[in-house]
């Protein structure tokens, strides 16, 4: 619900990282974006 509300308010940047749940956060973002016309920037951090 929070991601959808943020998009409704005009947020266009979602920042996540694999360390936030070992990929779970990316799955949550994908489910929230499914069926929406908006395509915000999605950034996933990783370590090197």
C-alpha atoms as a PDB file:
ATOM      1  CA  UNK A   1       0.000   0.000   0.000  1.00  0.00           C
ATOM      2  CA  UNK A   2       2.846   2.416   0.805  1.00  0.00           C
ATOM      3  CA  UNK A   3       4.456   2.028  -2.623  1.00  0.00           C
ATOM      4  CA  UNK A   4       1.145   2.591  -4.397  1.00  0.00           C
ATOM      5  CA  UNK A   5       0.410   5.664  -2.270  1.00  0.00           C
ATOM      6  CA  UNK A   6       3.876   7.079  -2.962  1.00  0.00           C
ATOM      7  CA  UNK A   7       3.353   6.626  -6.705  1.00  0.00           C
ATOM      8  CA  UNK A   8      -0.078   8.254  -6.439  1.00  0.00           C
ATOM      9  CA  UNK A   9       1.634  11.258  -4.830  1.00  0.00           C
ATOM     10  CA  UNK A  10       4.192  11.529  -7.634  1.00  0.00           C
ATOM     11  CA  UNK A  11       7.207   9.685  -6.249  1.00  0.00           C
ATOM     12  CA  UNK A  12       9.280   8.430  -9.195  1.00  0.00           C
ATOM     13  CA  UNK A  13      12.307   6.855  -7.485  1.00  0.00           C
ATOM     14  CA  UNK A  14      12.398   3.567  -5.571  1.00  0.00           C
ATOM     15  CA  UNK A  15      15.669   2.610  -3.898  1.00  0.00           C
ATOM     16  CA  UNK A  16      16.276  -0.929  -2.714  1.00  0.00           C
ATOM     17  CA  UNK A  17      19.111  -3.398  -2.162  1.00  0.00           C
ATOM     18  CA  UNK A  18      19.566  -7.136  -2.165  1.00  0.00           C
ATOM     19  CA  UNK A  19      20.609  -6.923   1.481  1.00  0.00           C
ATOM     20  CA  UNK A  20      17.038  -5.772   2.298  1.00  0.00           C
ATOM     21  CA  UNK A  21      15.633  -9.303   2.534  1.00  0.00           C
ATOM     22  CA  UNK A  22      17.908 -11.104   0.054  1.00  0.00           C
ATOM     23  CA  UNK A  23      15.876  -9.983  -2.957  1.00  0.00           C
ATOM     24  CA  UNK A  24      12.510  -9.870  -1.226  1.00  0.00           C
ATOM     25  CA  UNK A  25      12.300  -6.080  -1.531  1.00  0.00           C
ATOM     26  CA  UNK A  26      12.614  -6.299  -5.317  1.00  0.00           C
ATOM     27  CA  UNK A  27       9.762  -8.832  -5.376  1.00  0.00           C
ATOM     28  CA  UNK A  28       7.587  -6.505  -3.287  1.00  0.00           C
ATOM     29  CA  UNK A  29       8.296  -3.590  -5.635  1.00  0.00           C
ATOM     30  CA  UNK A  30       7.506  -5.745  -8.684  1.00  0.00           C
ATOM     31  CA  UNK A  31       4.151  -6.810  -7.223  1.00  0.00           C
ATOM     32  CA  UNK A  32       3.277  -3.202  -6.378  1.00  0.00           C
ATOM     33  CA  UNK A  33       4.075  -2.014  -9.912  1.00  0.00           C
ATOM     34  CA  UNK A  34       2.199  -4.802 -11.686  1.00  0.00           C
ATOM     35  CA  UNK A  35      -0.681  -3.340 -13.652  1.00  0.00           C
ATOM     36  CA  UNK A  36       0.286   0.292 -13.034  1.00  0.00           C
ATOM     37  CA  UNK A  37       1.032   2.694 -15.866  1.00  0.00           C
ATOM     38  CA  UNK A  38       3.728   4.527 -13.891  1.00  0.00           C
ATOM     39  CA  UNK A  39       7.266   3.294 -14.316  1.00  0.00           C
ATOM     40  CA  UNK A  40       9.421   4.911 -11.646  1.00  0.00           C
ATOM     41  CA  UNK A  41      13.183   4.662 -11.564  1.00  0.00           C
ATOM     42  CA  UNK A  42      14.154   1.580  -9.561  1.00  0.00           C
ATOM     43  CA  UNK A  43      17.659   1.372  -8.148  1.00  0.00           C
ATOM     44  CA  UNK A  44      19.123  -1.735  -6.556  1.00  0.00           C
ATOM     45  CA  UNK A  45      22.406  -1.429  -4.707  1.00  0.00           C
ATOM     46  CA  UNK A  46      24.949  -4.220  -4.480  1.00  0.00           C
ATOM     47  CA  UNK A  47      28.320  -4.692  -2.867  1.00  0.00           C
ATOM     48  CA  UNK A  48      31.500  -5.320  -4.754  1.00  0.00           C
END
